Protein backbone atom coordinates (compact mmCIF):
# COMPACT_ATOMS: atom_id res chain seq x y z
CA UNK A 1 -57.91 25.71 -76.29
CA UNK A 2 -54.78 24.94 -78.04
CA UNK A 3 -53.37 28.01 -76.51
CA UNK A 4 -54.24 26.87 -73.01
CA UNK A 5 -52.69 23.52 -73.55
CA UNK A 6 -49.49 25.18 -74.79
CA UNK A 7 -49.49 27.49 -71.79
CA UNK A 8 -50.02 24.55 -69.46
CA UNK A 9 -47.18 22.68 -71.08
CA UNK A 10 -44.94 25.72 -70.68
CA UNK A 11 -45.93 26.01 -67.04
CA UNK A 12 -45.18 22.34 -66.46
CA UNK A 13 -41.75 22.67 -68.01
CA UNK A 14 -41.02 25.75 -65.92
CA UNK A 15 -42.06 23.94 -62.79
CA UNK A 16 -39.93 20.88 -63.49
CA UNK A 17 -36.98 23.02 -64.53
CA UNK A 18 -37.39 25.06 -61.39
CA UNK A 19 -37.52 21.98 -59.21
CA UNK A 20 -34.39 20.44 -60.61
CA UNK A 21 -32.40 23.64 -60.26
CA UNK A 22 -33.08 23.98 -56.53
CA UNK A 23 -32.12 20.47 -55.47
CA UNK A 24 -30.25 20.57 -52.17
CA UNK A 25 -26.79 19.11 -51.76
CA UNK A 26 -26.77 16.26 -49.28
CA UNK A 27 -23.70 16.37 -47.04
CA UNK A 28 -22.19 13.48 -45.18
CA UNK A 29 -22.97 13.60 -41.47
CA UNK A 30 -20.22 14.97 -39.24
CA UNK A 31 -18.33 12.30 -37.32
CA UNK A 32 -19.46 11.89 -33.72
CA UNK A 33 -16.64 12.52 -31.29
CA UNK A 34 -17.23 11.26 -27.77
CA UNK A 35 -15.21 12.87 -25.01
CA UNK A 36 -15.34 11.14 -21.65
CA UNK A 37 -14.90 13.10 -18.47
CA UNK A 38 -11.76 12.31 -16.40
CA UNK A 39 -12.37 9.78 -13.66
CA UNK A 40 -10.56 9.01 -10.45
CA UNK A 41 -8.35 5.94 -10.33
CA UNK A 42 -10.21 3.01 -8.83
CA UNK A 43 -8.85 1.80 -5.53
CA UNK A 44 -8.97 -1.91 -4.97
CA UNK A 45 -9.93 -3.13 -1.53
CA UNK A 46 -7.48 -5.33 0.28
CA UNK A 47 -9.12 -8.43 1.61
CA UNK A 48 -7.93 -10.62 4.43
CA UNK A 49 -4.61 -8.83 4.96
CA UNK A 50 -3.54 -8.61 8.57
CA UNK A 51 -0.52 -6.93 10.05
CA UNK A 52 1.33 -7.98 13.12
CA UNK A 53 2.10 -5.43 15.78
CA UNK A 54 5.81 -5.40 14.99
CA UNK A 55 5.52 -4.75 11.25
CA UNK A 56 3.09 -1.84 11.36
CA UNK A 57 -0.52 -1.22 12.17
CA UNK A 58 -1.94 1.16 14.70
CA UNK A 59 0.07 2.75 17.47
CA UNK A 60 -1.91 0.84 20.09
CA UNK A 61 -0.99 -2.50 18.55
CA UNK A 62 2.68 -1.57 18.29
CA UNK A 63 2.78 -0.26 21.86
CA UNK A 64 1.10 -3.42 23.14
CA UNK A 65 3.59 -5.52 21.18
CA UNK A 66 6.52 -3.59 22.66
CA UNK A 67 5.04 -4.01 26.15
CA UNK A 68 4.68 -7.77 25.72
CA UNK A 69 8.17 -7.97 24.20
CA UNK A 70 9.68 -6.06 27.11
CA UNK A 71 7.88 -8.28 29.59
CA UNK A 72 9.21 -11.44 27.91
CA UNK A 73 12.72 -9.92 27.81
CA UNK A 74 12.58 -9.20 31.54
CA UNK A 75 11.20 -12.67 32.27
CA UNK A 76 14.05 -14.34 30.34
CA UNK A 77 16.64 -12.08 31.96
CA UNK A 78 15.32 -12.80 35.47
CA UNK A 79 14.68 -16.56 35.23
CA UNK A 80 17.65 -17.60 33.09
CA UNK A 81 20.75 -15.93 34.58
CA UNK A 82 23.13 -18.52 33.06
CA UNK A 83 21.91 -17.96 29.51
CA UNK A 84 24.85 -18.17 27.06
CA UNK A 85 25.75 -14.70 25.79
CA UNK A 86 27.41 -13.57 22.55
CA UNK A 87 30.30 -11.36 23.75
CA UNK A 88 29.80 -8.38 21.40
CA UNK A 89 26.02 -8.32 21.76
CA UNK A 90 25.49 -8.88 25.46
CA UNK A 91 22.42 -10.44 26.99
CA UNK A 92 19.81 -8.14 25.41
CA UNK A 93 21.46 -8.36 21.99
CA UNK A 94 21.66 -12.16 22.19
CA UNK A 95 17.97 -12.36 23.06
CA UNK A 96 17.21 -9.96 20.19
CA UNK A 97 19.14 -12.14 17.74
CA UNK A 98 17.51 -15.36 18.95
CA UNK A 99 14.03 -13.87 18.79
CA UNK A 100 14.78 -12.51 15.29
CA UNK A 101 15.61 -16.04 14.13
CA UNK A 102 12.45 -17.36 15.78
CA UNK A 103 10.34 -14.70 14.09
CA UNK A 104 11.79 -15.09 10.59
CA UNK A 105 12.65 -18.78 10.31
CA UNK A 106 10.16 -20.49 12.62
CA UNK A 107 7.36 -17.89 12.31
CA UNK A 108 6.69 -17.54 16.04
CA UNK A 109 4.12 -14.74 16.29
CA UNK A 110 5.24 -12.78 19.35
CA UNK A 111 8.99 -13.25 18.70
CA UNK A 112 9.04 -10.12 16.52
CA UNK A 113 7.79 -8.10 19.50
CA UNK A 114 10.49 -9.60 21.73
CA UNK A 115 13.10 -8.81 19.08
CA UNK A 116 11.97 -5.19 18.90
CA UNK A 117 12.00 -4.77 22.68
CA UNK A 118 15.39 -6.49 23.13
CA UNK A 119 16.99 -4.45 20.34
CA UNK A 120 15.62 -1.27 21.91
CA UNK A 121 17.03 -2.20 25.33
CA UNK A 122 20.39 -3.13 23.80
CA UNK A 123 20.55 0.22 22.00
CA UNK A 124 19.59 2.07 25.16
CA UNK A 125 22.29 0.29 27.19
CA UNK A 126 24.91 1.01 24.53
CA UNK A 127 24.02 4.71 24.45
CA UNK A 128 23.88 5.27 28.22
CA UNK A 129 26.71 3.10 29.59
CA UNK A 130 28.91 2.58 26.54
CA UNK A 131 28.49 -1.19 26.63
CA UNK A 132 25.67 -3.71 26.62
CA UNK A 133 25.01 -5.52 29.91
CA UNK A 134 26.58 -8.93 29.92
CA UNK A 135 29.25 -7.95 27.42
CA UNK A 136 31.98 -9.78 29.27
CA UNK A 137 32.05 -7.33 32.18
CA UNK A 138 33.90 -9.19 34.91
CA UNK A 139 33.96 -7.76 38.39
CA UNK A 140 37.38 -7.90 39.95
CA UNK A 141 37.59 -9.01 43.57
């Protein structure tokens, strides 16, 4: 019996010695690296922004603005023949300058369209005839 108890004690020691020798090494967890996928740049919506026909917008709006501007230019030219004229600019150039001042300083809405039409007519007259109508052309009798 004594022998069995000695054998059991030897077995117990072997077991405990065996257990302690095979202890596993605990490693620190690897750091978590998060990689986000590339995303498109967010586009912000423009709210409440309107464009006038003279400053941009669709072709239909600009063409309508030029049509209205040309009509107003013709109306002024027809109904006000004694309108004072700046000599270097002529009648169309003077109307373009006056409508430019109305559009920028007094914020008249359709004056920008008149300015565009009058400047176009003044440029056309300068290119075709070499002078702008009303540029001090005096007919000699």
